[in-house]
Amino acid sequence: MKPIEFKNNTSQRIYNDYINRCKRVIKILSETDQNECLMEVNSYIYEYMQNHQNEEETTALLNITERLGNPEITLKEVVAAKKIDQAVKTFNLK
């Protein structure tokens, strides 16, 4: 995942903090699944920022991270689903 670079230092700190929180939540997943999750979150942020360029950068970033929600809560479902998929794929009745 290529991190988004912001002009405003405060925006960059907010973004870095959000992504780091996401990384902590998904660290139990495989590297492939981690990358997939981070790219999806990053994509949502990037697209929102592109579509809201008329807003002040920090305000737009705060708006999208608020919409995405607290990573410790919203990504738990993603992690659980990925772990269930992994368990089903590795389950062998023999």
N, C-alpha and C. Protein backbone atom coordinates (compact mmCIF):
# COMPACT_ATOMS: atom_id res chain seq x y z
N MET A 1 0.84 -1.18 0.00
CA MET A 1 0.00 0.00 0.00
C MET A 1 0.88 1.24 0.00
N LYS A 2 0.58 2.16 -0.88
CA LYS A 2 1.31 3.42 -0.92
C LYS A 2 0.57 4.42 -0.04
N PRO A 3 1.22 4.91 1.02
CA PRO A 3 0.56 5.88 1.91
C PRO A 3 0.22 7.18 1.17
N ILE A 4 -0.85 7.79 1.58
CA ILE A 4 -1.26 9.07 1.03
C ILE A 4 -0.42 10.16 1.69
N GLU A 5 0.05 11.10 0.90
CA GLU A 5 0.81 12.22 1.44
C GLU A 5 -0.08 13.46 1.46
N PHE A 6 -0.10 14.12 2.59
CA PHE A 6 -0.91 15.32 2.77
C PHE A 6 -0.03 16.56 2.84
N LYS A 7 -0.61 17.68 2.47
CA LYS A 7 0.13 18.95 2.51
C LYS A 7 0.26 19.45 3.94
N ASN A 8 -0.79 19.26 4.70
CA ASN A 8 -0.87 19.76 6.06
C ASN A 8 -0.29 18.73 7.03
N ASN A 9 0.61 19.16 7.91
CA ASN A 9 1.23 18.25 8.88
C ASN A 9 0.21 17.61 9.82
N THR A 10 -0.79 18.38 10.22
CA THR A 10 -1.82 17.84 11.10
C THR A 10 -2.61 16.74 10.39
N SER A 11 -2.93 16.96 9.14
CA SER A 11 -3.63 15.94 8.35
C SER A 11 -2.79 14.68 8.24
N GLN A 12 -1.51 14.85 8.00
CA GLN A 12 -0.62 13.69 7.88
C GLN A 12 -0.57 12.90 9.18
N ARG A 13 -0.52 13.60 10.30
CA ARG A 13 -0.49 12.93 11.60
C ARG A 13 -1.80 12.17 11.84
N ILE A 14 -2.92 12.77 11.49
CA ILE A 14 -4.22 12.11 11.67
C ILE A 14 -4.28 10.85 10.80
N TYR A 15 -3.87 10.98 9.56
CA TYR A 15 -3.87 9.85 8.63
C TYR A 15 -2.95 8.73 9.14
N ASN A 16 -1.73 9.08 9.50
CA ASN A 16 -0.77 8.08 9.99
C ASN A 16 -1.30 7.37 11.22
N ASP A 17 -1.89 8.12 12.13
CA ASP A 17 -2.46 7.53 13.34
C ASP A 17 -3.58 6.55 12.99
N TYR A 18 -4.47 6.95 12.07
CA TYR A 18 -5.58 6.09 11.69
C TYR A 18 -5.08 4.80 11.05
N ILE A 19 -4.14 4.91 10.14
CA ILE A 19 -3.59 3.73 9.46
C ILE A 19 -2.86 2.83 10.47
N ASN A 20 -2.12 3.42 11.40
CA ASN A 20 -1.42 2.62 12.42
C ASN A 20 -2.40 1.88 13.32
N ARG A 21 -3.51 2.52 13.64
CA ARG A 21 -4.55 1.85 14.43
C ARG A 21 -5.12 0.68 13.64
N CYS A 22 -5.34 0.88 12.34
CA CYS A 22 -5.83 -0.21 11.48
C CYS A 22 -4.83 -1.36 11.48
N LYS A 23 -3.56 -1.03 11.35
CA LYS A 23 -2.52 -2.06 11.32
C LYS A 23 -2.51 -2.88 12.60
N ARG A 24 -2.70 -2.23 13.75
CA ARG A 24 -2.72 -2.97 15.01
C ARG A 24 -3.88 -3.95 15.07
N VAL A 25 -5.03 -3.54 14.54
CA VAL A 25 -6.21 -4.40 14.60
C VAL A 25 -6.06 -5.63 13.69
N ILE A 26 -5.45 -5.44 12.54
CA ILE A 26 -5.39 -6.53 11.55
C ILE A 26 -4.09 -7.33 11.59
N LYS A 27 -3.24 -7.07 12.57
CA LYS A 27 -1.93 -7.72 12.60
C LYS A 27 -2.00 -9.24 12.73
N ILE A 28 -3.12 -9.80 13.17
CA ILE A 28 -3.23 -11.26 13.30
C ILE A 28 -3.56 -11.94 11.97
N LEU A 29 -3.85 -11.14 10.95
CA LEU A 29 -4.16 -11.69 9.63
C LEU A 29 -2.89 -11.99 8.86
N SER A 30 -3.03 -12.75 7.81
CA SER A 30 -1.89 -13.01 6.92
C SER A 30 -1.46 -11.69 6.28
N GLU A 31 -0.25 -11.66 5.80
CA GLU A 31 0.27 -10.43 5.19
C GLU A 31 -0.59 -10.02 3.98
N THR A 32 -1.04 -10.99 3.21
CA THR A 32 -1.89 -10.71 2.06
C THR A 32 -3.20 -10.06 2.50
N ASP A 33 -3.83 -10.62 3.52
CA ASP A 33 -5.09 -10.07 4.02
C ASP A 33 -4.88 -8.69 4.65
N GLN A 34 -3.76 -8.51 5.34
CA GLN A 34 -3.45 -7.20 5.90
C GLN A 34 -3.35 -6.16 4.80
N ASN A 35 -2.60 -6.48 3.76
CA ASN A 35 -2.43 -5.55 2.64
C ASN A 35 -3.76 -5.23 1.98
N GLU A 36 -4.59 -6.25 1.81
CA GLU A 36 -5.90 -6.05 1.20
C GLU A 36 -6.75 -5.09 2.04
N CYS A 37 -6.77 -5.29 3.34
CA CYS A 37 -7.54 -4.42 4.23
C CYS A 37 -7.02 -2.98 4.20
N LEU A 38 -5.71 -2.85 4.29
CA LEU A 38 -5.12 -1.50 4.29
C LEU A 38 -5.35 -0.79 2.97
N MET A 39 -5.26 -1.53 1.87
CA MET A 39 -5.50 -0.90 0.57
C MET A 39 -6.95 -0.45 0.45
N GLU A 40 -7.86 -1.21 1.00
CA GLU A 40 -9.27 -0.82 0.94
C GLU A 40 -9.53 0.44 1.76
N VAL A 41 -9.01 0.47 2.98
CA VAL A 41 -9.17 1.66 3.82
C VAL A 41 -8.52 2.86 3.14
N ASN A 42 -7.31 2.67 2.64
CA ASN A 42 -6.58 3.73 1.98
C ASN A 42 -7.34 4.24 0.76
N SER A 43 -7.95 3.33 0.03
CA SER A 43 -8.72 3.68 -1.16
C SER A 43 -9.92 4.55 -0.80
N TYR A 44 -10.63 4.19 0.26
CA TYR A 44 -11.77 4.99 0.71
C TYR A 44 -11.32 6.41 1.06
N ILE A 45 -10.23 6.50 1.78
CA ILE A 45 -9.72 7.82 2.18
C ILE A 45 -9.30 8.62 0.95
N TYR A 46 -8.55 7.99 0.06
CA TYR A 46 -8.05 8.67 -1.14
C TYR A 46 -9.21 9.18 -2.00
N GLU A 47 -10.19 8.32 -2.26
CA GLU A 47 -11.34 8.71 -3.09
C GLU A 47 -12.12 9.85 -2.46
N TYR A 48 -12.32 9.77 -1.15
CA TYR A 48 -13.05 10.85 -0.47
C TYR A 48 -12.29 12.16 -0.60
N MET A 49 -10.99 12.10 -0.38
CA MET A 49 -10.18 13.32 -0.46
C MET A 49 -10.21 13.90 -1.88
N GLN A 50 -10.20 13.05 -2.88
CA GLN A 50 -10.26 13.52 -4.27
C GLN A 50 -11.61 14.17 -4.58
N ASN A 51 -12.67 13.62 -4.02
CA ASN A 51 -14.02 14.13 -4.29
C ASN A 51 -14.40 15.33 -3.43
N HIS A 52 -13.57 15.67 -2.46
CA HIS A 52 -13.87 16.78 -1.55
C HIS A 52 -12.69 17.76 -1.47
N GLN A 53 -12.11 18.03 -2.61
CA GLN A 53 -10.95 18.93 -2.64
C GLN A 53 -11.31 20.37 -2.29
N ASN A 54 -12.60 20.70 -2.37
CA ASN A 54 -13.02 22.05 -2.01
C ASN A 54 -13.07 22.25 -0.49
N GLU A 55 -13.02 21.17 0.27
CA GLU A 55 -12.99 21.26 1.73
C GLU A 55 -11.56 21.44 2.22
N GLU A 56 -11.43 22.00 3.37
CA GLU A 56 -10.11 22.10 4.01
C GLU A 56 -9.63 20.68 4.26
N GLU A 57 -8.36 20.41 4.00
CA GLU A 57 -7.80 19.06 4.02
C GLU A 57 -8.05 18.32 5.34
N THR A 58 -7.75 18.96 6.45
CA THR A 58 -7.92 18.31 7.75
C THR A 58 -9.38 18.00 8.02
N THR A 59 -10.26 18.91 7.67
CA THR A 59 -11.69 18.70 7.87
C THR A 59 -12.18 17.53 7.04
N ALA A 60 -11.77 17.47 5.78
CA ALA A 60 -12.17 16.36 4.91
C ALA A 60 -11.66 15.03 5.46
N LEU A 61 -10.41 15.01 5.92
CA LEU A 61 -9.84 13.79 6.47
C LEU A 61 -10.58 13.35 7.73
N LEU A 62 -10.88 14.29 8.59
CA LEU A 62 -11.64 13.96 9.79
C LEU A 62 -13.03 13.43 9.43
N ASN A 63 -13.64 14.00 8.39
CA ASN A 63 -14.96 13.54 7.96
C ASN A 63 -14.93 12.09 7.48
N ILE A 64 -13.93 11.75 6.67
CA ILE A 64 -13.89 10.37 6.15
C ILE A 64 -13.49 9.38 7.24
N THR A 65 -12.58 9.73 8.11
CA THR A 65 -12.21 8.79 9.17
C THR A 65 -13.38 8.59 10.14
N GLU A 66 -14.18 9.64 10.32
CA GLU A 66 -15.38 9.50 11.16
C GLU A 66 -16.38 8.57 10.48
N ARG A 67 -16.53 8.72 9.16
CA ARG A 67 -17.45 7.85 8.41
C ARG A 67 -16.97 6.40 8.44
N LEU A 68 -15.67 6.20 8.31
CA LEU A 68 -15.13 4.84 8.35
C LEU A 68 -15.28 4.22 9.74
N GLY A 69 -15.24 5.05 10.74
CA GLY A 69 -15.43 4.58 12.10
C GLY A 69 -14.14 4.19 12.79
N ASN A 70 -14.28 3.89 14.04
CA ASN A 70 -13.17 3.49 14.89
C ASN A 70 -12.63 2.15 14.39
N PRO A 71 -11.36 2.08 13.95
CA PRO A 71 -10.83 0.83 13.41
C PRO A 71 -10.91 -0.34 14.38
N GLU A 72 -10.79 -0.06 15.66
CA GLU A 72 -10.85 -1.12 16.67
C GLU A 72 -12.23 -1.78 16.70
N ILE A 73 -13.23 -1.09 16.18
CA ILE A 73 -14.58 -1.65 16.15
C ILE A 73 -14.92 -2.15 14.74
N THR A 74 -14.74 -1.28 13.74
CA THR A 74 -15.17 -1.62 12.39
C THR A 74 -14.35 -2.73 11.75
N LEU A 75 -13.09 -2.82 12.07
CA LEU A 75 -12.26 -3.85 11.44
C LEU A 75 -12.33 -5.19 12.16
N LYS A 76 -12.93 -5.22 13.35
CA LYS A 76 -13.09 -6.50 14.05
C LYS A 76 -13.91 -7.48 13.23
N GLU A 77 -14.96 -6.98 12.57
CA GLU A 77 -15.80 -7.84 11.74
C GLU A 77 -15.01 -8.38 10.56
N VAL A 78 -14.19 -7.52 9.96
CA VAL A 78 -13.37 -7.93 8.82
C VAL A 78 -12.39 -9.01 9.26
N VAL A 79 -11.73 -8.79 10.38
CA VAL A 79 -10.76 -9.76 10.89
C VAL A 79 -11.46 -11.09 11.19
N ALA A 80 -12.60 -11.02 11.84
CA ALA A 80 -13.34 -12.24 12.17
C ALA A 80 -13.73 -13.01 10.91
N ALA A 81 -14.23 -12.31 9.92
CA ALA A 81 -14.64 -12.96 8.67
C ALA A 81 -13.45 -13.60 7.96
N LYS A 82 -12.33 -12.91 7.94
CA LYS A 82 -11.14 -13.45 7.28
C LYS A 82 -10.62 -14.68 8.04
N LYS A 83 -10.67 -14.64 9.37
CA LYS A 83 -10.22 -15.79 10.16
C LYS A 83 -11.16 -16.99 9.97
N ILE A 84 -12.45 -16.74 9.86
CA ILE A 84 -13.40 -17.83 9.59
C ILE A 84 -13.13 -18.43 8.22
N ASP A 85 -12.92 -17.57 7.22
CA ASP A 85 -12.59 -18.07 5.88
C ASP A 85 -11.33 -18.92 5.90
N GLN A 86 -10.33 -18.47 6.64
CA GLN A 86 -9.07 -19.21 6.75
C GLN A 86 -9.33 -20.56 7.41
N ALA A 87 -10.13 -20.58 8.45
CA ALA A 87 -10.42 -21.83 9.14
C ALA A 87 -11.17 -22.80 8.25
N VAL A 88 -12.13 -22.29 7.48
CA VAL A 88 -12.91 -23.14 6.58
C VAL A 88 -12.01 -23.72 5.49
N LYS A 89 -11.12 -22.92 4.95
CA LYS A 89 -10.22 -23.38 3.89
C LYS A 89 -9.25 -24.45 4.38
N THR A 90 -8.85 -24.38 5.64
CA THR A 90 -7.87 -25.33 6.16
C THR A 90 -8.51 -26.52 6.85
N PHE A 91 -9.83 -26.50 6.99
CA PHE A 91 -10.53 -27.60 7.65
C PHE A 91 -10.49 -28.85 6.78
N ASN A 92 -10.10 -29.94 7.36
CA ASN A 92 -10.00 -31.19 6.62
C ASN A 92 -10.63 -32.30 7.47
N LEU A 93 -11.68 -32.93 6.93
CA LEU A 93 -12.38 -33.96 7.67
C LEU A 93 -11.59 -35.25 7.83
N LYS A 94 -10.62 -35.47 6.98
CA LYS A 94 -9.84 -36.72 7.03
C LYS A 94 -8.88 -36.76 8.19
